[in-house]
Amino acid sequence: MKKFSIGFAFVSLLIAGVLSYFASGDPDGLDKTVEDTGIAEHAQEHPFAGGTFADYALGGDDRFTGLAGVLGVVVVLALSFGLFWVLRKKSGAR
């Protein structure tokens, strides 16, 4: 299980840090449909739009897309493993 966890973390970090630079900046199907139907005219800015990780980049700088992805993966993995550890301790499982 330990080898799997380490491998999973490595592959996740690799995908977030490297492949994210190859992601398309074009709108996906949902965004395109919303734009084409005029629904986007009623859209409002999200409260966190000016946040550090907005638009999958650090501070809105596209050069840091991979770093933002890596930090996101680290946070999610840390929270997940922490939650699993707490639940395992609580249930008394070994």
PDB file of N, CA and C in Angstrom:
ATOM      1  N   MET A   1       0.822  -1.191   0.000  1.00  0.00           N
ATOM      2  CA  MET A   1       0.000   0.000   0.000  1.00  0.00           C
ATOM      3  C   MET A   1       0.872   1.263   0.000  1.00  0.00           C
ATOM      4  N   LYS A   2       2.021   1.180   0.676  1.00  0.00           N
ATOM      5  CA  LYS A   2       2.907   2.335   0.741  1.00  0.00           C
ATOM      6  C   LYS A   2       3.466   2.676  -0.638  1.00  0.00           C
ATOM      7  N   LYS A   3       3.858   1.655  -1.411  1.00  0.00           N
ATOM      8  CA  LYS A   3       4.381   1.883  -2.760  1.00  0.00           C
ATOM      9  C   LYS A   3       3.312   2.506  -3.652  1.00  0.00           C
ATOM     10  N   PHE A   4       2.066   2.027  -3.514  1.00  0.00           N
ATOM     11  CA  PHE A   4       0.973   2.574  -4.301  1.00  0.00           C
ATOM     12  C   PHE A   4       0.765   4.047  -3.963  1.00  0.00           C
ATOM     13  N   SER A   5       0.763   4.383  -2.688  1.00  0.00           N
ATOM     14  CA  SER A   5       0.534   5.765  -2.254  1.00  0.00           C
ATOM     15  C   SER A   5       1.627   6.692  -2.776  1.00  0.00           C
ATOM     16  N   ILE A   6       2.873   6.237  -2.696  1.00  0.00           N
ATOM     17  CA  ILE A   6       3.983   7.047  -3.185  1.00  0.00           C
ATOM     18  C   ILE A   6       3.893   7.203  -4.708  1.00  0.00           C
ATOM     19  N   GLY A   7       3.576   6.120  -5.410  1.00  0.00           N
ATOM     20  CA  GLY A   7       3.410   6.182  -6.855  1.00  0.00           C
ATOM     21  C   GLY A   7       2.270   7.092  -7.265  1.00  0.00           C
ATOM     22  N   PHE A   8       1.170   6.995  -6.546  1.00  0.00           N
ATOM     23  CA  PHE A   8       0.000   7.833  -6.827  1.00  0.00           C
ATOM     24  C   PHE A   8       0.352   9.306  -6.639  1.00  0.00           C
ATOM     25  N   ALA A   9       1.041   9.622  -5.550  1.00  0.00           N
ATOM     26  CA  ALA A   9       1.437  11.005  -5.288  1.00  0.00           C
ATOM     27  C   ALA A   9       2.388  11.502  -6.377  1.00  0.00           C
ATOM     28  N   PHE A  10       3.347  10.663  -6.774  1.00  0.00           N
ATOM     29  CA  PHE A  10       4.310  11.051  -7.806  1.00  0.00           C
ATOM     30  C   PHE A  10       3.617  11.333  -9.134  1.00  0.00           C
ATOM     31  N   VAL A  11       2.733  10.436  -9.554  1.00  0.00           N
ATOM     32  CA  VAL A  11       2.023  10.622 -10.826  1.00  0.00           C
ATOM     33  C   VAL A  11       1.119  11.849 -10.765  1.00  0.00           C
ATOM     34  N   SER A  12       0.460  12.068  -9.649  1.00  0.00           N
ATOM     35  CA  SER A  12      -0.405  13.245  -9.493  1.00  0.00           C
ATOM     36  C   SER A  12       0.397  14.533  -9.610  1.00  0.00           C
ATOM     37  N   LEU A  13       1.556  14.561  -8.949  1.00  0.00           N
ATOM     38  CA  LEU A  13       2.408  15.746  -9.017  1.00  0.00           C
ATOM     39  C   LEU A  13       2.969  15.955 -10.422  1.00  0.00           C
ATOM     40  N   LEU A  14       3.303  14.873 -11.087  1.00  0.00           N
ATOM     41  CA  LEU A  14       3.809  14.961 -12.454  1.00  0.00           C
ATOM     42  C   LEU A  14       2.744  15.523 -13.398  1.00  0.00           C
ATOM     43  N   ILE A  15       1.545  15.020 -13.274  1.00  0.00           N
ATOM     44  CA  ILE A  15       0.447  15.507 -14.126  1.00  0.00           C
ATOM     45  C   ILE A  15       0.176  16.978 -13.845  1.00  0.00           C
ATOM     46  N   ALA A  16       0.097  17.340 -12.567  1.00  0.00           N
ATOM     47  CA  ALA A  16      -0.204  18.730 -12.210  1.00  0.00           C
ATOM     48  C   ALA A  16       0.919  19.678 -12.611  1.00  0.00           C
ATOM     49  N   GLY A  17       2.158  19.234 -12.438  1.00  0.00           N
ATOM     50  CA  GLY A  17       3.284  20.122 -12.682  1.00  0.00           C
ATOM     51  C   GLY A  17       3.720  20.226 -14.122  1.00  0.00           C
ATOM     52  N   VAL A  18       3.523  19.180 -14.909  1.00  0.00           N
ATOM     53  CA  VAL A  18       4.022  19.178 -16.279  1.00  0.00           C
ATOM     54  C   VAL A  18       2.888  19.270 -17.303  1.00  0.00           C
ATOM     55  N   LEU A  19       1.935  18.372 -17.203  1.00  0.00           N
ATOM     56  CA  LEU A  19       0.883  18.321 -18.221  1.00  0.00           C
ATOM     57  C   LEU A  19      -0.050  19.530 -18.188  1.00  0.00           C
ATOM     58  N   SER A  20      -0.120  20.221 -17.063  1.00  0.00           N
ATOM     59  CA  SER A  20      -1.010  21.379 -16.981  1.00  0.00           C
ATOM     60  C   SER A  20      -0.605  22.481 -17.961  1.00  0.00           C
ATOM     61  N   TYR A  21       0.672  22.533 -18.338  1.00  0.00           N
ATOM     62  CA  TYR A  21       1.110  23.542 -19.303  1.00  0.00           C
ATOM     63  C   TYR A  21       0.586  23.255 -20.712  1.00  0.00           C
ATOM     64  N   PHE A  22       0.170  22.030 -20.960  1.00  0.00           N
ATOM     65  CA  PHE A  22      -0.345  21.658 -22.276  1.00  0.00           C
ATOM     66  C   PHE A  22      -1.869  21.746 -22.358  1.00  0.00           C
ATOM     67  N   ALA A  23      -2.523  22.120 -21.271  1.00  0.00           N
ATOM     68  CA  ALA A  23      -3.986  22.216 -21.252  1.00  0.00           C
ATOM     69  C   ALA A  23      -4.436  23.378 -22.140  1.00  0.00           C
ATOM     70  N   SER A  24      -5.577  23.211 -22.744  1.00  0.00           N
ATOM     71  CA  SER A  24      -6.109  24.230 -23.640  1.00  0.00           C
ATOM     72  C   SER A  24      -6.708  25.384 -22.852  1.00  0.00           C
ATOM     73  N   GLY A  25      -6.440  26.582 -23.329  1.00  0.00           N
ATOM     74  CA  GLY A  25      -7.033  27.765 -22.724  1.00  0.00           C
ATOM     75  C   GLY A  25      -8.383  28.114 -23.326  1.00  0.00           C
ATOM     76  N   ASP A  26      -8.788  27.366 -24.355  1.00  0.00           N
ATOM     77  CA  ASP A  26     -10.075  27.606 -24.987  1.00  0.00           C
ATOM     78  C   ASP A  26     -11.195  27.139 -24.065  1.00  0.00           C
ATOM     79  N   PRO A  27     -12.359  27.776 -24.155  1.00  0.00           N
ATOM     80  CA  PRO A  27     -13.469  27.362 -23.303  1.00  0.00           C
ATOM     81  C   PRO A  27     -13.923  25.936 -23.618  1.00  0.00           C
ATOM     82  N   ASP A  28     -14.365  25.223 -22.580  1.00  0.00           N
ATOM     83  CA  ASP A  28     -14.871  23.867 -22.794  1.00  0.00           C
ATOM     84  C   ASP A  28     -16.301  23.934 -23.314  1.00  0.00           C
ATOM     85  N   GLY A  29     -16.937  22.791 -23.482  1.00  0.00           N
ATOM     86  CA  GLY A  29     -18.284  22.738 -24.053  1.00  0.00           C
ATOM     87  C   GLY A  29     -19.309  23.516 -23.262  1.00  0.00           C
ATOM     88  N   LEU A  30     -19.244  23.414 -21.939  1.00  0.00           N
ATOM     89  CA  LEU A  30     -20.212  24.128 -21.100  1.00  0.00           C
ATOM     90  C   LEU A  30     -20.014  25.638 -21.237  1.00  0.00           C
ATOM     91  N   ASP A  31     -18.771  26.096 -21.144  1.00  0.00           N
ATOM     92  CA  ASP A  31     -18.506  27.526 -21.284  1.00  0.00           C
ATOM     93  C   ASP A  31     -18.939  28.042 -22.649  1.00  0.00           C
ATOM     94  N   LYS A  32     -18.652  27.275 -23.687  1.00  0.00           N
ATOM     95  CA  LYS A  32     -19.014  27.673 -25.049  1.00  0.00           C
ATOM     96  C   LYS A  32     -20.534  27.789 -25.203  1.00  0.00           C
ATOM     97  N   THR A  33     -21.257  26.821 -24.647  1.00  0.00           N
ATOM     98  CA  THR A  33     -22.724  26.855 -24.724  1.00  0.00           C
ATOM     99  C   THR A  33     -23.284  28.049 -23.975  1.00  0.00           C
ATOM    100  N   VAL A  34     -22.721  28.320 -22.805  1.00  0.00           N
ATOM    101  CA  VAL A  34     -23.182  29.468 -22.011  1.00  0.00           C
ATOM    102  C   VAL A  34     -22.931  30.772 -22.764  1.00  0.00           C
ATOM    103  N   GLU A  35     -21.793  30.865 -23.421  1.00  0.00           N
ATOM    104  CA  GLU A  35     -21.499  32.063 -24.210  1.00  0.00           C
ATOM    105  C   GLU A  35     -22.417  32.174 -25.418  1.00  0.00           C
ATOM    106  N   ASP A  36     -22.648  31.063 -26.115  1.00  0.00           N
ATOM    107  CA  ASP A  36     -23.462  31.087 -27.334  1.00  0.00           C
ATOM    108  C   ASP A  36     -24.928  31.383 -27.057  1.00  0.00           C
ATOM    109  N   THR A  37     -25.449  30.935 -25.927  1.00  0.00           N
ATOM    110  CA  THR A  37     -26.867  31.125 -25.621  1.00  0.00           C
ATOM    111  C   THR A  37     -27.165  32.455 -24.936  1.00  0.00           C
ATOM    112  N   GLY A  38     -26.122  33.180 -24.560  1.00  0.00           N
ATOM    113  CA  GLY A  38     -26.334  34.481 -23.929  1.00  0.00           C
ATOM    114  C   GLY A  38     -26.469  34.424 -22.426  1.00  0.00           C
ATOM    115  N   ILE A  39     -26.390  33.252 -21.858  1.00  0.00           N
ATOM    116  CA  ILE A  39     -26.496  33.126 -20.400  1.00  0.00           C
ATOM    117  C   ILE A  39     -25.330  33.838 -19.714  1.00  0.00           C
ATOM    118  N   ALA A  40     -24.194  33.887 -20.380  1.00  0.00           N
ATOM    119  CA  ALA A  40     -22.997  34.497 -19.796  1.00  0.00           C
ATOM    120  C   ALA A  40     -23.182  35.994 -19.523  1.00  0.00           C
ATOM    121  N   GLU A  41     -24.138  36.621 -20.192  1.00  0.00           N
ATOM    122  CA  GLU A  41     -24.382  38.045 -19.966  1.00  0.00           C
ATOM    123  C   GLU A  41     -24.817  38.328 -18.538  1.00  0.00           C
ATOM    124  N   HIS A  42     -25.394  37.337 -17.880  1.00  0.00           N
ATOM    125  CA  HIS A  42     -25.896  37.518 -16.520  1.00  0.00           C
ATOM    126  C   HIS A  42     -24.892  37.035 -15.463  1.00  0.00           C
ATOM    127  N   ALA A  43     -23.747  36.585 -15.911  1.00  0.00           N
ATOM    128  CA  ALA A  43     -22.752  36.048 -14.977  1.00  0.00           C
ATOM    129  C   ALA A  43     -22.138  37.165 -14.151  1.00  0.00           C
ATOM    130  N   GLN A  44     -21.802  36.812 -12.922  1.00  0.00           N
ATOM    131  CA  GLN A  44     -21.133  37.753 -12.020  1.00  0.00           C
ATOM    132  C   GLN A  44     -19.777  37.179 -11.644  1.00  0.00           C
ATOM    133  N   GLU A  45     -18.891  38.044 -11.260  1.00  0.00           N
ATOM    134  CA  GLU A  45     -17.554  37.617 -10.863  1.00  0.00           C
ATOM    135  C   GLU A  45     -17.632  36.831  -9.560  1.00  0.00           C
ATOM    136  N   HIS A  46     -16.894  35.759  -9.506  1.00  0.00           N
ATOM    137  CA  HIS A  46     -16.839  34.921  -8.306  1.00  0.00           C
ATOM    138  C   HIS A  46     -16.115  35.679  -7.196  1.00  0.00           C
ATOM    139  N   PRO A  47     -16.535  35.512  -5.928  1.00  0.00           N
ATOM    140  CA  PRO A  47     -15.881  36.243  -4.836  1.00  0.00           C
ATOM    141  C   PRO A  47     -14.377  35.972  -4.717  1.00  0.00           C
ATOM    142  N   PHE A  48     -13.926  34.802  -5.160  1.00  0.00           N
ATOM    143  CA  PHE A  48     -12.508  34.470  -5.056  1.00  0.00           C
ATOM    144  C   PHE A  48     -11.763  34.648  -6.380  1.00  0.00           C
ATOM    145  N   ALA A  49     -12.343  35.383  -7.311  1.00  0.00           N
ATOM    146  CA  ALA A  49     -11.742  35.549  -8.633  1.00  0.00           C
ATOM    147  C   ALA A  49     -10.378  36.233  -8.570  1.00  0.00           C
ATOM    148  N   GLY A  50     -10.148  37.043  -7.575  1.00  0.00           N
ATOM    149  CA  GLY A  50      -8.867  37.719  -7.432  1.00  0.00           C
ATOM    150  C   GLY A  50      -7.916  36.984  -6.507  1.00  0.00           C
ATOM    151  N   GLY A  51      -8.280  35.761  -6.129  1.00  0.00           N
ATOM    152  CA  GLY A  51      -7.479  34.987  -5.188  1.00  0.00           C
ATOM    153  C   GLY A  51      -6.169  34.507  -5.779  1.00  0.00           C
ATOM    154  N   THR A  52      -5.353  33.956  -4.923  1.00  0.00           N
ATOM    155  CA  THR A  52      -4.021  33.509  -5.305  1.00  0.00           C
ATOM    156  C   THR A  52      -4.052  32.446  -6.394  1.00  0.00           C
ATOM    157  N   PHE A  53      -4.995  31.515  -6.326  1.00  0.00           N
ATOM    158  CA  PHE A  53      -5.044  30.405  -7.277  1.00  0.00           C
ATOM    159  C   PHE A  53      -6.104  30.583  -8.364  1.00  0.00           C
ATOM    160  N   ALA A  54      -6.592  31.790  -8.552  1.00  0.00           N
ATOM    161  CA  ALA A  54      -7.622  32.033  -9.567  1.00  0.00           C
ATOM    162  C   ALA A  54      -7.096  31.700 -10.953  1.00  0.00           C
ATOM    163  N   ASP A  55      -7.943  31.141 -11.780  1.00  0.00           N
ATOM    164  CA  ASP A  55      -7.614  30.769 -13.163  1.00  0.00           C
ATOM    165  C   ASP A  55      -6.446  29.793 -13.253  1.00  0.00           C
ATOM    166  N   TYR A  56      -6.326  28.925 -12.264  1.00  0.00           N
ATOM    167  CA  TYR A  56      -5.313  27.865 -12.277  1.00  0.00           C
ATOM    168  C   TYR A  56      -3.891  28.406 -12.413  1.00  0.00           C
ATOM    169  N   ALA A  57      -3.614  29.522 -11.815  1.00  0.00           N
ATOM    170  CA  ALA A  57      -2.273  30.100 -11.848  1.00  0.00           C
ATOM    171  C   ALA A  57      -2.032  30.829 -10.528  1.00  0.00           C
ATOM    172  N   LEU A  58      -0.795  31.107 -10.238  1.00  0.00           N
ATOM    173  CA  LEU A  58      -0.465  31.862  -9.032  1.00  0.00           C
ATOM    174  C   LEU A  58      -0.497  33.338  -9.356  1.00  0.00           C
ATOM    175  N   GLY A  59      -1.369  34.067  -8.686  1.00  0.00           N
ATOM    176  CA  GLY A  59      -1.470  35.503  -8.904  1.00  0.00           C
ATOM    177  C   GLY A  59      -1.877  35.890 -10.302  1.00  0.00           C
ATOM    178  N   GLY A  60      -2.539  34.988 -11.025  1.00  0.00           N
ATOM    179  CA  GLY A  60      -2.985  35.275 -12.381  1.00  0.00           C
ATOM    180  C   GLY A  60      -1.893  35.179 -13.430  1.00  0.00           C
ATOM    181  N   ASP A  61      -0.705  34.748 -13.039  1.00  0.00           N
ATOM    182  CA  ASP A  61       0.422  34.630 -13.971  1.00  0.00           C
ATOM    183  C   ASP A  61       0.448  33.219 -14.551  1.00  0.00           C
ATOM    184  N   ASP A  62       0.232  33.098 -15.852  1.00  0.00           N
ATOM    185  CA  ASP A  62       0.152  31.789 -16.511  1.00  0.00           C
ATOM    186  C   ASP A  62       1.469  31.014 -16.476  1.00  0.00           C
ATOM    187  N   ARG A  63       2.564  31.693 -16.205  1.00  0.00           N
ATOM    188  CA  ARG A  63       3.847  30.990 -16.125  1.00  0.00           C
ATOM    189  C   ARG A  63       3.899  30.046 -14.926  1.00  0.00           C
ATOM    190  N   PHE A  64       3.019  30.252 -13.959  1.00  0.00           N
ATOM    191  CA  PHE A  64       3.029  29.455 -12.735  1.00  0.00           C
ATOM    192  C   PHE A  64       1.869  28.467 -12.662  1.00  0.00           C
ATOM    193  N   THR A  65       1.323  28.095 -13.802  1.00  0.00           N
ATOM    194  CA  THR A  65       0.217  27.142 -13.833  1.00  0.00           C
ATOM    195  C   THR A  65       0.618  25.814 -13.208  1.00  0.00           C
ATOM    196  N   GLY A  66       1.780  25.313 -13.557  1.00  0.00           N
ATOM    197  CA  GLY A  66       2.252  24.037 -13.015  1.00  0.00           C
ATOM    198  C   GLY A  66       2.464  24.095 -11.516  1.00  0.00           C
ATOM    199  N   LEU A  67       3.020  25.188 -11.037  1.00  0.00           N
ATOM    200  CA  LEU A  67       3.247  25.340  -9.595  1.00  0.00           C
ATOM    201  C   LEU A  67       1.921  25.394  -8.844  1.00  0.00           C
ATOM    202  N   ALA A  68       0.946  26.085  -9.407  1.00  0.00           N
ATOM    203  CA  ALA A  68      -0.378  26.132  -8.786  1.00  0.00           C
ATOM    204  C   ALA A  68      -0.975  24.733  -8.726  1.00  0.00           C
ATOM    205  N   GLY A  69      -0.795  23.949  -9.786  1.00  0.00           N
ATOM    206  CA  GLY A  69      -1.287  22.574  -9.800  1.00  0.00           C
ATOM    207  C   GLY A  69      -0.597  21.713  -8.770  1.00  0.00           C
ATOM    208  N   VAL A  70       0.715  21.844  -8.664  1.00  0.00           N
ATOM    209  CA  VAL A  70       1.476  21.063  -7.682  1.00  0.00           C
ATOM    210  C   VAL A  70       1.037  21.425  -6.262  1.00  0.00           C
ATOM    211  N   LEU A  71       0.898  22.704  -5.980  1.00  0.00           N
ATOM    212  CA  LEU A  71       0.445  23.115  -4.647  1.00  0.00           C
ATOM    213  C   LEU A  71      -0.961  22.592  -4.356  1.00  0.00           C
ATOM    214  N   GLY A  72      -1.819  22.604  -5.354  1.00  0.00           N
ATOM    215  CA  GLY A  72      -3.163  22.063  -5.177  1.00  0.00           C
ATOM    216  C   GLY A  72      -3.142  20.576  -4.875  1.00  0.00           C
ATOM    217  N   VAL A  73      -2.305  19.832  -5.588  1.00  0.00           N
ATOM    218  CA  VAL A  73      -2.187  18.391  -5.341  1.00  0.00           C
ATOM    219  C   VAL A  73      -1.644  18.137  -3.941  1.00  0.00           C
ATOM    220  N   VAL A  74      -0.634  18.892  -3.529  1.00  0.00           N
ATOM    221  CA  VAL A  74      -0.054  18.710  -2.193  1.00  0.00           C
ATOM    222  C   VAL A  74      -1.100  18.964  -1.111  1.00  0.00           C
ATOM    223  N   VAL A  75      -1.890  20.023  -1.266  1.00  0.00           N
ATOM    224  CA  VAL A  75      -2.929  20.333  -0.274  1.00  0.00           C
ATOM    225  C   VAL A  75      -3.978  19.222  -0.222  1.00  0.00           C
ATOM    226  N   VAL A  76      -4.449  18.772  -1.385  1.00  0.00           N
ATOM    227  CA  VAL A  76      -5.472  17.723  -1.421  1.00  0.00           C
ATOM    228  C   VAL A  76      -4.937  16.406  -0.856  1.00  0.00           C
ATOM    229  N   LEU A  77      -3.709  16.027  -1.226  1.00  0.00           N
ATOM    230  CA  LEU A  77      -3.126  14.794  -0.688  1.00  0.00           C
ATOM    231  C   LEU A  77      -2.925  14.884   0.821  1.00  0.00           C
ATOM    232  N   ALA A  78      -2.446  16.022   1.300  1.00  0.00           N
ATOM    233  CA  ALA A  78      -2.240  16.192   2.739  1.00  0.00           C
ATOM    234  C   ALA A  78      -3.564  16.087   3.498  1.00  0.00           C
ATOM    235  N   LEU A  79      -4.593  16.756   3.004  1.00  0.00           N
ATOM    236  CA  LEU A  79      -5.905  16.681   3.656  1.00  0.00           C
ATOM    237  C   LEU A  79      -6.474  15.264   3.601  1.00  0.00           C
ATOM    238  N   SER A  80      -6.331  14.613   2.456  1.00  0.00           N
ATOM    239  CA  SER A  80      -6.863  13.254   2.299  1.00  0.00           C
ATOM    240  C   SER A  80      -6.167  12.269   3.223  1.00  0.00           C
ATOM    241  N   PHE A  81      -4.833  12.263   3.190  1.00  0.00           N
ATOM    242  CA  PHE A  81      -4.102  11.332   4.044  1.00  0.00           C
ATOM    243  C   PHE A  81      -4.311  11.651   5.518  1.00  0.00           C
ATOM    244  N   GLY A  82      -4.420  12.940   5.849  1.00  0.00           N
ATOM    245  CA  GLY A  82      -4.711  13.318   7.237  1.00  0.00           C
ATOM    246  C   GLY A  82      -6.072  12.806   7.679  1.00  0.00           C
ATOM    247  N   LEU A  83      -7.061  12.945   6.825  1.00  0.00           N
ATOM    248  CA  LEU A  83      -8.405  12.458   7.150  1.00  0.00           C
ATOM    249  C   LEU A  83      -8.414  10.945   7.277  1.00  0.00           C
ATOM    250  N   PHE A  84      -7.754  10.255   6.353  1.00  0.00           N
ATOM    251  CA  PHE A  84      -7.686   8.794   6.438  1.00  0.00           C
ATOM    252  C   PHE A  84      -6.976   8.348   7.709  1.00  0.00           C
ATOM    253  N   TRP A  85      -5.925   9.044   8.088  1.00  0.00           N
ATOM    254  CA  TRP A  85      -5.176   8.707   9.298  1.00  0.00           C
ATOM    255  C   TRP A  85      -6.047   8.879  10.541  1.00  0.00           C
ATOM    256  N   VAL A  86      -6.781  10.002  10.608  1.00  0.00           N
ATOM    257  CA  VAL A  86      -7.667  10.257  11.755  1.00  0.00           C
ATOM    258  C   VAL A  86      -8.766   9.207  11.816  1.00  0.00           C
ATOM    259  N   LEU A  87      -9.376   8.893  10.685  1.00  0.00           N
ATOM    260  CA  LEU A  87     -10.453   7.897  10.679  1.00  0.00           C
ATOM    261  C   LEU A  87      -9.930   6.516  11.027  1.00  0.00           C
ATOM    262  N   ARG A  88      -8.738   6.188  10.593  1.00  0.00           N
ATOM    263  CA  ARG A  88      -8.145   4.885  10.908  1.00  0.00           C
ATOM    264  C   ARG A  88      -7.864   4.776  12.394  1.00  0.00           C
ATOM    265  N   LYS A  89      -7.342   5.829  12.982  1.00  0.00           N
ATOM    266  CA  LYS A  89      -7.055   5.845  14.418  1.00  0.00           C
ATOM    267  C   LYS A  89      -8.339   5.711  15.219  1.00  0.00           C
ATOM    268  N   LYS A  90      -9.385   6.377  14.749  1.00  0.00           N
ATOM    269  CA  LYS A  90     -10.664   6.371  15.453  1.00  0.00           C
ATOM    270  C   LYS A  90     -11.314   4.989  15.436  1.00  0.00           C
ATOM    271  N   SER A  91     -11.172   4.281  14.302  1.00  0.00           N
ATOM    272  CA  SER A  91     -11.815   2.983  14.180  1.00  0.00           C
ATOM    273  C   SER A  91     -10.989   1.865  14.841  1.00  0.00           C
ATOM    274  N   GLY A  92      -9.740   2.153  15.184  1.00  0.00           N
ATOM    275  CA  GLY A  92      -8.903   1.165  15.819  1.00  0.00           C
ATOM    276  C   GLY A  92      -8.307   0.166  14.858  1.00  0.00           C
ATOM    277  N   ALA A  93      -8.413   0.405  13.564  1.00  0.00           N
ATOM    278  CA  ALA A  93      -7.860  -0.516  12.558  1.00  0.00           C
ATOM    279  C   ALA A  93      -6.347  -0.414  12.533  1.00  0.00           C
ATOM    280  N   ARG A  94      -5.696  -1.470  12.112  1.00  0.00           N
ATOM    281  CA  ARG A  94      -4.221  -1.442  12.034  1.00  0.00           C
ATOM    282  C   ARG A  94      -3.795  -1.440  10.584  1.00  0.00           C
TER     283      ARG A  94
END
